[in-house]
Amino acid sequence: MALTASNEFPLGRKAPDFLLLNTVDNTALSLSEAKGEKGTVIMFICNHCPFVIHVNDELVKMANEYQEKGVNFIAISSNDIENYPEDAPGLMKQLAKDVNYPFPYLYDETQEVAKKYAAACTPDIYVFDEDLKAVYHGQIDNSRPGNGKPVTGNDLRDSLNNLIENRAVIENQKPSMGCGIKWRL
């Protein structure tokens, strides 16, 4: 598993809109339909990445907690399913059910959405305010598979608390780290 860091996504930049297949219920879902009243977390993830598997339980816990506070979570998989069939929409739907994702799990078949967000790794985490302007792009916390640090969600949690409480944006944001998105050749 090669470690890849996230690319830069400028704070204040507007979230690019999209219309993607929600594998959970086989409907098309747009960002404007799925965004939260107070904010939106967009997570580029996939089924097989050990970095995502490592934080899945915390993502579910945080989504349940913050969706009650007006922050919606959206997961997107952009991996090439020809070379990584374990990330296919049917298996995405099954994983969402097995892990109890309380958020839509969208399939970016063309990989255009990942490119618009400059997504590079899984997980790659973005937080947007109520106007869909970026306020955070960074790691969930400093836990990684095998490093012995507990999964706490502290970095993401701090950014969400700042958003909800109208506090200043965290300036020193540490990049997400994980498996590289599996691009089509």
N, C-alpha and C. Protein backbone atom coordinates (compact mmCIF):
# COMPACT_ATOMS: atom_id res chain seq x y z
N MET A 1 0.84 -1.17 0.00
CA MET A 1 0.00 0.00 0.00
C MET A 1 0.89 1.23 0.00
N ALA A 2 0.86 1.95 -1.10
CA ALA A 2 1.66 3.16 -1.24
C ALA A 2 0.94 4.33 -0.60
N LEU A 3 1.67 5.12 0.17
CA LEU A 3 1.09 6.27 0.86
C LEU A 3 1.11 7.48 -0.05
N THR A 4 -0.07 8.09 -0.25
CA THR A 4 -0.23 9.26 -1.11
C THR A 4 -0.84 10.38 -0.28
N ALA A 5 -0.32 11.59 -0.43
CA ALA A 5 -0.87 12.76 0.27
C ALA A 5 -1.88 13.47 -0.62
N SER A 6 -2.81 14.18 0.00
CA SER A 6 -3.80 14.94 -0.76
C SER A 6 -3.15 16.14 -1.44
N ASN A 7 -3.78 16.59 -2.51
CA ASN A 7 -3.36 17.79 -3.23
C ASN A 7 -3.96 19.02 -2.54
N GLU A 8 -3.49 20.19 -2.94
CA GLU A 8 -4.03 21.41 -2.37
C GLU A 8 -5.40 21.73 -2.99
N PHE A 9 -6.31 22.17 -2.14
CA PHE A 9 -7.62 22.67 -2.55
C PHE A 9 -7.80 23.96 -1.75
N PRO A 10 -7.73 25.12 -2.40
CA PRO A 10 -7.70 26.38 -1.66
C PRO A 10 -8.93 26.61 -0.79
N LEU A 11 -8.68 27.09 0.44
CA LEU A 11 -9.77 27.45 1.32
C LEU A 11 -10.54 28.60 0.69
N GLY A 12 -11.85 28.57 0.83
CA GLY A 12 -12.71 29.58 0.23
C GLY A 12 -13.19 29.22 -1.16
N ARG A 13 -12.56 28.22 -1.78
CA ARG A 13 -12.98 27.78 -3.12
C ARG A 13 -14.35 27.12 -3.03
N LYS A 14 -15.19 27.40 -3.98
CA LYS A 14 -16.54 26.82 -4.04
C LYS A 14 -16.45 25.34 -4.44
N ALA A 15 -17.28 24.53 -3.84
CA ALA A 15 -17.32 23.10 -4.17
C ALA A 15 -17.91 22.91 -5.56
N PRO A 16 -17.21 22.20 -6.43
CA PRO A 16 -17.79 21.91 -7.75
C PRO A 16 -19.03 21.03 -7.59
N ASP A 17 -20.08 21.37 -8.34
CA ASP A 17 -21.31 20.59 -8.27
C ASP A 17 -21.11 19.26 -9.01
N PHE A 18 -21.98 18.32 -8.76
CA PHE A 18 -21.93 17.03 -9.43
C PHE A 18 -23.30 16.38 -9.40
N LEU A 19 -23.46 15.40 -10.24
CA LEU A 19 -24.63 14.53 -10.26
C LEU A 19 -24.10 13.13 -10.46
N LEU A 20 -24.19 12.30 -9.41
CA LEU A 20 -23.60 10.97 -9.44
C LEU A 20 -24.58 9.92 -8.96
N LEU A 21 -24.29 8.67 -9.30
CA LEU A 21 -25.10 7.54 -8.85
C LEU A 21 -24.87 7.31 -7.36
N ASN A 22 -25.96 7.35 -6.60
CA ASN A 22 -25.91 6.96 -5.19
C ASN A 22 -26.11 5.45 -5.16
N THR A 23 -25.05 4.72 -4.87
CA THR A 23 -25.11 3.26 -4.91
C THR A 23 -25.99 2.69 -3.80
N VAL A 24 -26.27 3.48 -2.78
CA VAL A 24 -27.09 3.00 -1.66
C VAL A 24 -28.52 2.74 -2.11
N ASP A 25 -29.07 3.64 -2.96
CA ASP A 25 -30.46 3.47 -3.40
C ASP A 25 -30.64 3.52 -4.92
N ASN A 26 -29.53 3.50 -5.66
CA ASN A 26 -29.54 3.49 -7.13
C ASN A 26 -30.27 4.68 -7.74
N THR A 27 -30.11 5.86 -7.10
CA THR A 27 -30.67 7.09 -7.66
C THR A 27 -29.54 8.05 -7.96
N ALA A 28 -29.82 9.04 -8.80
CA ALA A 28 -28.85 10.10 -9.07
C ALA A 28 -28.97 11.15 -7.96
N LEU A 29 -27.84 11.63 -7.48
CA LEU A 29 -27.84 12.60 -6.40
C LEU A 29 -26.85 13.72 -6.73
N SER A 30 -27.30 14.95 -6.57
CA SER A 30 -26.43 16.11 -6.81
C SER A 30 -25.94 16.68 -5.49
N LEU A 31 -24.88 17.45 -5.56
CA LEU A 31 -24.36 18.12 -4.37
C LEU A 31 -25.42 19.07 -3.81
N SER A 32 -26.11 19.80 -4.67
CA SER A 32 -27.11 20.74 -4.18
C SER A 32 -28.25 20.04 -3.42
N GLU A 33 -28.55 18.80 -3.79
CA GLU A 33 -29.58 18.03 -3.07
C GLU A 33 -29.05 17.47 -1.75
N ALA A 34 -27.77 17.14 -1.71
CA ALA A 34 -27.22 16.42 -0.56
C ALA A 34 -26.54 17.31 0.47
N LYS A 35 -26.32 18.58 0.15
CA LYS A 35 -25.56 19.44 1.06
C LYS A 35 -26.32 19.67 2.36
N GLY A 36 -25.56 19.97 3.40
CA GLY A 36 -26.14 20.20 4.71
C GLY A 36 -26.51 21.66 4.93
N GLU A 37 -27.38 21.88 5.89
CA GLU A 37 -27.84 23.24 6.20
C GLU A 37 -26.69 24.11 6.72
N LYS A 38 -25.81 23.52 7.54
CA LYS A 38 -24.70 24.28 8.12
C LYS A 38 -23.36 23.97 7.46
N GLY A 39 -23.28 22.83 6.79
CA GLY A 39 -22.02 22.45 6.15
C GLY A 39 -22.11 21.09 5.52
N THR A 40 -21.07 20.76 4.76
CA THR A 40 -21.03 19.49 4.03
C THR A 40 -19.62 18.92 4.07
N VAL A 41 -19.53 17.64 4.38
CA VAL A 41 -18.26 16.92 4.33
C VAL A 41 -18.29 16.04 3.10
N ILE A 42 -17.31 16.20 2.22
CA ILE A 42 -17.18 15.32 1.05
C ILE A 42 -15.93 14.49 1.26
N MET A 43 -16.11 13.18 1.17
CA MET A 43 -15.01 12.24 1.43
C MET A 43 -14.80 11.36 0.20
N PHE A 44 -13.61 11.39 -0.35
CA PHE A 44 -13.26 10.45 -1.40
C PHE A 44 -12.72 9.22 -0.70
N ILE A 45 -13.43 8.10 -0.87
CA ILE A 45 -13.08 6.85 -0.20
C ILE A 45 -13.20 5.72 -1.21
N CYS A 46 -12.94 4.51 -0.77
CA CYS A 46 -13.21 3.32 -1.59
C CYS A 46 -13.36 2.13 -0.66
N ASN A 47 -13.74 1.01 -1.22
CA ASN A 47 -14.01 -0.18 -0.41
C ASN A 47 -12.75 -0.84 0.13
N HIS A 48 -11.70 -0.92 -0.69
CA HIS A 48 -10.59 -1.81 -0.35
C HIS A 48 -9.40 -1.14 0.34
N CYS A 49 -9.35 0.17 0.39
CA CYS A 49 -8.18 0.87 0.93
C CYS A 49 -8.04 0.64 2.43
N PRO A 50 -6.89 0.16 2.90
CA PRO A 50 -6.71 -0.06 4.33
C PRO A 50 -6.79 1.22 5.17
N PHE A 51 -6.47 2.36 4.57
CA PHE A 51 -6.57 3.64 5.29
C PHE A 51 -8.04 4.00 5.54
N VAL A 52 -8.90 3.70 4.58
CA VAL A 52 -10.34 3.94 4.73
C VAL A 52 -10.93 2.94 5.72
N ILE A 53 -10.59 1.68 5.56
CA ILE A 53 -11.09 0.64 6.46
C ILE A 53 -10.73 1.00 7.91
N HIS A 54 -9.54 1.54 8.10
CA HIS A 54 -9.03 1.92 9.41
C HIS A 54 -9.91 2.98 10.09
N VAL A 55 -10.50 3.88 9.32
CA VAL A 55 -11.28 4.99 9.89
C VAL A 55 -12.79 4.87 9.68
N ASN A 56 -13.24 3.80 9.04
CA ASN A 56 -14.66 3.66 8.71
C ASN A 56 -15.57 3.84 9.92
N ASP A 57 -15.27 3.19 11.03
CA ASP A 57 -16.13 3.28 12.21
C ASP A 57 -16.23 4.72 12.72
N GLU A 58 -15.10 5.43 12.69
CA GLU A 58 -15.11 6.83 13.15
C GLU A 58 -15.89 7.72 12.19
N LEU A 59 -15.79 7.45 10.88
CA LEU A 59 -16.57 8.23 9.91
C LEU A 59 -18.07 8.06 10.15
N VAL A 60 -18.49 6.83 10.41
CA VAL A 60 -19.90 6.56 10.70
C VAL A 60 -20.33 7.28 11.98
N LYS A 61 -19.50 7.18 13.01
CA LYS A 61 -19.80 7.84 14.29
C LYS A 61 -19.92 9.36 14.11
N MET A 62 -18.95 9.94 13.40
CA MET A 62 -18.97 11.39 13.21
C MET A 62 -20.15 11.83 12.35
N ALA A 63 -20.45 11.08 11.31
CA ALA A 63 -21.58 11.43 10.45
C ALA A 63 -22.88 11.42 11.26
N ASN A 64 -23.06 10.39 12.06
CA ASN A 64 -24.27 10.33 12.89
C ASN A 64 -24.34 11.52 13.85
N GLU A 65 -23.21 11.89 14.43
CA GLU A 65 -23.17 13.00 15.39
C GLU A 65 -23.41 14.35 14.71
N TYR A 66 -22.72 14.61 13.62
CA TYR A 66 -22.76 15.94 13.01
C TYR A 66 -23.95 16.16 12.07
N GLN A 67 -24.50 15.10 11.53
CA GLN A 67 -25.70 15.28 10.71
C GLN A 67 -26.85 15.81 11.55
N GLU A 68 -26.87 15.46 12.84
CA GLU A 68 -27.88 16.00 13.76
C GLU A 68 -27.68 17.50 13.98
N LYS A 69 -26.47 18.00 13.66
CA LYS A 69 -26.14 19.41 13.85
C LYS A 69 -26.17 20.19 12.54
N GLY A 70 -26.67 19.56 11.46
CA GLY A 70 -26.82 20.25 10.19
C GLY A 70 -25.67 20.10 9.21
N VAL A 71 -24.75 19.19 9.49
CA VAL A 71 -23.62 18.94 8.58
C VAL A 71 -23.83 17.58 7.92
N ASN A 72 -24.03 17.57 6.62
CA ASN A 72 -24.22 16.31 5.90
C ASN A 72 -22.89 15.77 5.40
N PHE A 73 -22.80 14.46 5.35
CA PHE A 73 -21.61 13.76 4.85
C PHE A 73 -21.97 13.11 3.52
N ILE A 74 -21.02 13.12 2.59
CA ILE A 74 -21.18 12.49 1.28
C ILE A 74 -19.88 11.74 0.99
N ALA A 75 -19.99 10.46 0.67
CA ALA A 75 -18.81 9.67 0.28
C ALA A 75 -18.85 9.45 -1.23
N ILE A 76 -17.67 9.50 -1.85
CA ILE A 76 -17.55 9.31 -3.29
C ILE A 76 -16.40 8.35 -3.55
N SER A 77 -16.63 7.36 -4.41
CA SER A 77 -15.56 6.49 -4.88
C SER A 77 -15.33 6.78 -6.36
N SER A 78 -14.08 7.04 -6.70
CA SER A 78 -13.71 7.37 -8.08
C SER A 78 -12.77 6.35 -8.69
N ASN A 79 -12.55 5.24 -8.00
CA ASN A 79 -11.57 4.26 -8.48
C ASN A 79 -11.99 3.58 -9.78
N ASP A 80 -10.99 3.21 -10.55
CA ASP A 80 -11.16 2.45 -11.80
C ASP A 80 -11.59 1.03 -11.43
N ILE A 81 -12.84 0.68 -11.75
CA ILE A 81 -13.36 -0.64 -11.34
C ILE A 81 -12.94 -1.76 -12.28
N GLU A 82 -12.41 -1.43 -13.45
CA GLU A 82 -11.91 -2.49 -14.32
C GLU A 82 -10.70 -3.16 -13.69
N ASN A 83 -9.82 -2.36 -13.10
CA ASN A 83 -8.63 -2.89 -12.46
C ASN A 83 -8.81 -3.14 -10.96
N TYR A 84 -9.87 -2.57 -10.39
CA TYR A 84 -10.16 -2.73 -8.97
C TYR A 84 -11.64 -3.07 -8.80
N PRO A 85 -12.04 -4.29 -9.22
CA PRO A 85 -13.46 -4.65 -9.21
C PRO A 85 -14.09 -4.65 -7.81
N GLU A 86 -13.28 -4.71 -6.77
CA GLU A 86 -13.82 -4.67 -5.41
C GLU A 86 -14.44 -3.31 -5.07
N ASP A 87 -14.23 -2.32 -5.95
CA ASP A 87 -14.80 -0.99 -5.74
C ASP A 87 -15.99 -0.72 -6.65
N ALA A 88 -16.55 -1.76 -7.25
CA ALA A 88 -17.69 -1.62 -8.15
C ALA A 88 -18.95 -1.20 -7.38
N PRO A 89 -19.89 -0.52 -8.07
CA PRO A 89 -21.09 -0.01 -7.40
C PRO A 89 -21.87 -1.03 -6.57
N GLY A 90 -22.03 -2.25 -7.06
CA GLY A 90 -22.76 -3.26 -6.29
C GLY A 90 -22.08 -3.57 -4.97
N LEU A 91 -20.75 -3.61 -4.99
CA LEU A 91 -20.00 -3.87 -3.76
C LEU A 91 -19.95 -2.64 -2.86
N MET A 92 -20.02 -1.45 -3.47
CA MET A 92 -20.12 -0.22 -2.68
C MET A 92 -21.43 -0.24 -1.89
N LYS A 93 -22.50 -0.61 -2.56
CA LYS A 93 -23.81 -0.69 -1.90
C LYS A 93 -23.76 -1.68 -0.74
N GLN A 94 -23.14 -2.84 -0.97
CA GLN A 94 -23.05 -3.86 0.08
C GLN A 94 -22.23 -3.35 1.27
N LEU A 95 -21.10 -2.69 0.99
CA LEU A 95 -20.27 -2.17 2.07
C LEU A 95 -21.04 -1.11 2.87
N ALA A 96 -21.73 -0.22 2.18
CA ALA A 96 -22.50 0.82 2.86
C ALA A 96 -23.51 0.19 3.82
N LYS A 97 -24.11 -0.89 3.40
CA LYS A 97 -25.07 -1.61 4.25
C LYS A 97 -24.35 -2.30 5.42
N ASP A 98 -23.25 -2.98 5.12
CA ASP A 98 -22.52 -3.72 6.15
C ASP A 98 -21.94 -2.81 7.24
N VAL A 99 -21.46 -1.64 6.83
CA VAL A 99 -20.81 -0.72 7.76
C VAL A 99 -21.81 0.28 8.35
N ASN A 100 -23.04 0.27 7.82
CA ASN A 100 -24.10 1.19 8.27
C ASN A 100 -23.77 2.65 7.97
N TYR A 101 -23.33 2.91 6.74
CA TYR A 101 -23.07 4.29 6.35
C TYR A 101 -24.37 5.09 6.46
N PRO A 102 -24.36 6.18 7.24
CA PRO A 102 -25.54 7.03 7.35
C PRO A 102 -25.51 8.16 6.32
N PHE A 103 -24.79 7.95 5.24
CA PHE A 103 -24.62 8.97 4.20
C PHE A 103 -24.62 8.30 2.84
N PRO A 104 -24.87 9.07 1.79
CA PRO A 104 -24.82 8.50 0.44
C PRO A 104 -23.39 8.10 0.07
N TYR A 105 -23.29 7.05 -0.72
CA TYR A 105 -21.99 6.56 -1.21
C TYR A 105 -22.08 6.60 -2.73
N LEU A 106 -21.47 7.61 -3.32
CA LEU A 106 -21.63 7.91 -4.74
C LEU A 106 -20.51 7.33 -5.57
N TYR A 107 -20.86 6.97 -6.81
CA TYR A 107 -19.88 6.40 -7.74
C TYR A 107 -19.57 7.42 -8.83
N ASP A 108 -18.30 7.79 -8.92
CA ASP A 108 -17.79 8.74 -9.91
C ASP A 108 -17.18 7.95 -11.07
N GLU A 109 -18.04 7.44 -11.93
CA GLU A 109 -17.61 6.53 -13.00
C GLU A 109 -16.58 7.16 -13.94
N THR A 110 -16.77 8.42 -14.28
CA THR A 110 -15.87 9.08 -15.24
C THR A 110 -14.61 9.65 -14.58
N GLN A 111 -14.58 9.69 -13.27
CA GLN A 111 -13.51 10.27 -12.48
C GLN A 111 -13.40 11.79 -12.62
N GLU A 112 -14.37 12.39 -13.28
CA GLU A 112 -14.35 13.84 -13.48
C GLU A 112 -14.55 14.61 -12.18
N VAL A 113 -15.36 14.08 -11.27
CA VAL A 113 -15.58 14.77 -10.00
C VAL A 113 -14.29 14.77 -9.18
N ALA A 114 -13.62 13.65 -9.11
CA ALA A 114 -12.34 13.59 -8.39
C ALA A 114 -11.35 14.60 -8.97
N LYS A 115 -11.33 14.72 -10.29
CA LYS A 115 -10.42 15.67 -10.93
C LYS A 115 -10.80 17.11 -10.58
N LYS A 116 -12.10 17.43 -10.56
CA LYS A 116 -12.54 18.79 -10.22
C LYS A 116 -12.15 19.17 -8.79
N TYR A 117 -12.12 18.18 -7.91
CA TYR A 117 -11.74 18.43 -6.52
C TYR A 117 -10.24 18.26 -6.29
N ALA A 118 -9.51 17.86 -7.31
CA ALA A 118 -8.07 17.57 -7.19
C ALA A 118 -7.84 16.49 -6.14
N ALA A 119 -8.79 15.56 -6.02
CA ALA A 119 -8.64 14.46 -5.06
C ALA A 119 -7.48 13.57 -5.49
N ALA A 120 -6.75 13.08 -4.50
CA ALA A 120 -5.56 12.29 -4.81
C ALA A 120 -5.53 10.95 -4.10
N CYS A 121 -6.15 10.90 -2.92
CA CYS A 121 -6.00 9.70 -2.09
C CYS A 121 -7.33 9.33 -1.45
N THR A 122 -7.33 8.15 -0.84
CA THR A 122 -8.47 7.70 -0.05
C THR A 122 -7.96 7.36 1.35
N PRO A 123 -8.53 7.98 2.37
CA PRO A 123 -9.57 9.00 2.31
C PRO A 123 -8.99 10.38 1.99
N ASP A 124 -9.76 11.18 1.28
CA ASP A 124 -9.43 12.57 1.01
C ASP A 124 -10.65 13.38 1.46
N ILE A 125 -10.47 14.22 2.47
CA ILE A 125 -11.58 14.83 3.20
C ILE A 125 -11.66 16.34 2.94
N TYR A 126 -12.85 16.81 2.61
CA TYR A 126 -13.13 18.22 2.35
C TYR A 126 -14.32 18.64 3.21
N VAL A 127 -14.24 19.83 3.80
CA VAL A 127 -15.36 20.39 4.55
C VAL A 127 -15.72 21.74 3.92
N PHE A 128 -17.01 21.91 3.67
CA PHE A 128 -17.54 23.14 3.07
C PHE A 128 -18.57 23.76 4.00
N ASP A 129 -18.63 25.09 4.00
CA ASP A 129 -19.62 25.78 4.82
C ASP A 129 -20.99 25.74 4.15
N GLU A 130 -21.95 26.48 4.72
CA GLU A 130 -23.32 26.46 4.20
C GLU A 130 -23.41 27.02 2.78
N ASP A 131 -22.41 27.82 2.38
CA ASP A 131 -22.37 28.37 1.02
C ASP A 131 -21.51 27.53 0.08
N LEU A 132 -21.10 26.36 0.57
CA LEU A 132 -20.26 25.41 -0.18
C LEU A 132 -18.88 25.99 -0.51
N LYS A 133 -18.35 26.79 0.41
CA LYS A 133 -16.97 27.28 0.29
C LYS A 133 -16.09 26.45 1.20
N ALA A 134 -14.93 26.05 0.71
CA ALA A 134 -14.03 25.18 1.46
C ALA A 134 -13.52 25.85 2.73
N VAL A 135 -13.66 25.13 3.84
CA VAL A 135 -13.11 25.60 5.11
C VAL A 135 -12.09 24.62 5.69
N TYR A 136 -12.03 23.41 5.12
CA TYR A 136 -11.06 22.42 5.60
C TYR A 136 -10.80 21.41 4.49
N HIS A 137 -9.54 21.05 4.33
CA HIS A 137 -9.14 19.95 3.46
C HIS A 137 -7.93 19.33 4.11
N GLY A 138 -8.17 18.22 4.78
CA GLY A 138 -7.06 17.61 5.51
C GLY A 138 -7.40 16.26 6.08
N GLN A 139 -6.53 15.84 6.99
CA GLN A 139 -6.66 14.50 7.56
C GLN A 139 -7.79 14.42 8.57
N ILE A 140 -8.23 13.19 8.80
CA ILE A 140 -9.24 12.92 9.83
C ILE A 140 -8.58 13.06 11.20
N ASP A 141 -7.41 12.46 11.32
CA ASP A 141 -6.57 12.56 12.51
C ASP A 141 -5.20 11.99 12.12
N ASN A 142 -4.32 11.81 13.09
CA ASN A 142 -2.98 11.32 12.75
C ASN A 142 -2.82 9.81 12.90
N SER A 143 -3.90 9.09 13.02
CA SER A 143 -3.86 7.64 13.09
C SER A 143 -3.75 7.06 11.67
N ARG A 144 -2.92 6.05 11.52
CA ARG A 144 -2.75 5.34 10.26
C ARG A 144 -2.68 3.84 10.60
N PRO A 145 -3.02 2.99 9.66
CA PRO A 145 -2.89 1.56 9.94
C PRO A 145 -1.48 1.22 10.40
N GLY A 146 -1.37 0.59 11.56
CA GLY A 146 -0.08 0.12 12.05
C GLY A 146 0.75 1.14 12.80
N ASN A 147 0.29 2.41 12.95
CA ASN A 147 1.15 3.36 13.66
C ASN A 147 0.87 3.42 15.17
N GLY A 148 -0.12 2.64 15.63
CA GLY A 148 -0.39 2.55 17.06
C GLY A 148 -1.16 3.72 17.65
N LYS A 149 -1.49 4.72 16.85
CA LYS A 149 -2.25 5.86 17.36
C LYS A 149 -3.74 5.58 17.19
N PRO A 150 -4.54 5.88 18.21
CA PRO A 150 -5.97 5.59 18.13
C PRO A 150 -6.69 6.50 17.12
N VAL A 151 -7.74 5.98 16.51
CA VAL A 151 -8.58 6.77 15.61
C VAL A 151 -9.49 7.63 16.49
N THR A 152 -9.35 8.94 16.38
CA THR A 152 -10.13 9.86 17.20
C THR A 152 -10.98 10.81 16.36
N GLY A 153 -10.55 11.06 15.11
CA GLY A 153 -11.23 12.04 14.28
C GLY A 153 -10.97 13.47 14.70
N ASN A 154 -9.96 13.70 15.53
CA ASN A 154 -9.75 15.02 16.15
C ASN A 154 -9.60 16.17 15.15
N ASP A 155 -8.84 15.99 14.08
CA ASP A 155 -8.63 17.09 13.14
C ASP A 155 -9.93 17.45 12.42
N LEU A 156 -10.62 16.45 11.93
CA LEU A 156 -11.90 16.70 11.25
C LEU A 156 -12.93 17.22 12.23
N ARG A 157 -12.97 16.65 13.40
CA ARG A 157 -13.92 17.07 14.45
C ARG A 157 -13.70 18.55 14.82
N ASP A 158 -12.42 18.95 14.97
CA ASP A 158 -12.11 20.36 15.29
C ASP A 158 -12.62 21.29 14.19
N SER A 159 -12.42 20.89 12.94
CA SER A 159 -12.87 21.75 11.84
C SER A 159 -14.40 21.84 11.82
N LEU A 160 -15.08 20.75 12.12
CA LEU A 160 -16.55 20.76 12.14
C LEU A 160 -17.08 21.59 13.31
N ASN A 161 -16.44 21.49 14.45
CA ASN A 161 -16.86 22.30 15.59
C ASN A 161 -16.65 23.78 15.31
N ASN A 162 -15.53 24.13 14.69
CA ASN A 162 -15.29 25.52 14.31
C ASN A 162 -16.36 26.01 13.34
N LEU A 163 -16.72 25.17 12.39
CA LEU A 163 -17.74 25.53 11.41
C LEU A 163 -19.09 25.79 12.10
N ILE A 164 -19.51 24.87 12.91
CA ILE A 164 -20.82 24.96 13.58
C ILE A 164 -20.86 26.16 14.53
N GLU A 165 -19.74 26.43 15.20
CA GLU A 165 -19.70 27.50 16.20
C GLU A 165 -19.22 28.83 15.60
N ASN A 166 -19.12 28.90 14.27
CA ASN A 166 -18.73 30.13 13.57
C ASN A 166 -17.39 30.67 14.03
N ARG A 167 -16.46 29.76 14.32
CA ARG A 167 -15.10 30.18 14.71
C ARG A 167 -14.21 30.20 13.47
N ALA A 168 -13.05 30.76 13.62
CA ALA A 168 -12.11 30.90 12.51
C ALA A 168 -11.70 29.54 11.96
N VAL A 169 -11.42 29.54 10.66
CA VAL A 169 -10.94 28.35 9.98
C VAL A 169 -9.55 27.99 10.50
N ILE A 170 -9.29 26.72 10.66
CA ILE A 170 -7.96 26.25 11.06
C ILE A 170 -7.01 26.50 9.89
N GLU A 171 -5.98 27.28 10.13
CA GLU A 171 -5.04 27.62 9.05
C GLU A 171 -4.03 26.52 8.78
N ASN A 172 -3.56 25.86 9.82
CA ASN A 172 -2.54 24.83 9.67
C ASN A 172 -3.21 23.46 9.51
N GLN A 173 -3.54 23.12 8.28
CA GLN A 173 -4.25 21.88 8.00
C GLN A 173 -3.29 20.84 7.46
N LYS A 174 -3.30 19.68 8.09
CA LYS A 174 -2.41 18.59 7.67
C LYS A 174 -3.10 17.79 6.58
N PRO A 175 -2.39 17.46 5.50
CA PRO A 175 -3.02 16.76 4.38
C PRO A 175 -3.50 15.36 4.75
N SER A 176 -4.53 14.93 4.06
CA SER A 176 -4.96 13.54 4.16
C SER A 176 -3.84 12.66 3.63
N MET A 177 -3.78 11.44 4.11
CA MET A 177 -2.81 10.46 3.63
C MET A 177 -3.56 9.15 3.44
N GLY A 178 -3.26 8.47 2.34
CA GLY A 178 -3.91 7.19 2.12
C GLY A 178 -3.45 6.58 0.81
N CYS A 179 -4.24 5.63 0.32
CA CYS A 179 -3.96 5.00 -0.96
C CYS A 179 -4.27 6.00 -2.08
N GLY A 180 -3.51 5.97 -3.13
CA GLY A 180 -3.80 6.83 -4.27
C GLY A 180 -5.09 6.41 -4.95
N ILE A 181 -5.82 7.39 -5.46
CA ILE A 181 -7.00 7.06 -6.27
C ILE A 181 -6.52 6.24 -7.46
N LYS A 182 -7.29 5.22 -7.80
CA LYS A 182 -6.91 4.32 -8.91
C LYS A 182 -7.46 4.89 -10.21
N TRP A 183 -6.59 5.65 -10.90
CA TRP A 183 -6.99 6.33 -12.13
C TRP A 183 -7.00 5.37 -13.31
N ARG A 184 -7.90 5.64 -14.24
CA ARG A 184 -7.90 4.90 -15.51
C ARG A 184 -6.67 5.32 -16.30
N LEU A 185 -6.15 4.39 -17.02
CA LEU A 185 -4.97 4.70 -17.85
C LEU A 185 -5.38 5.27 -19.18
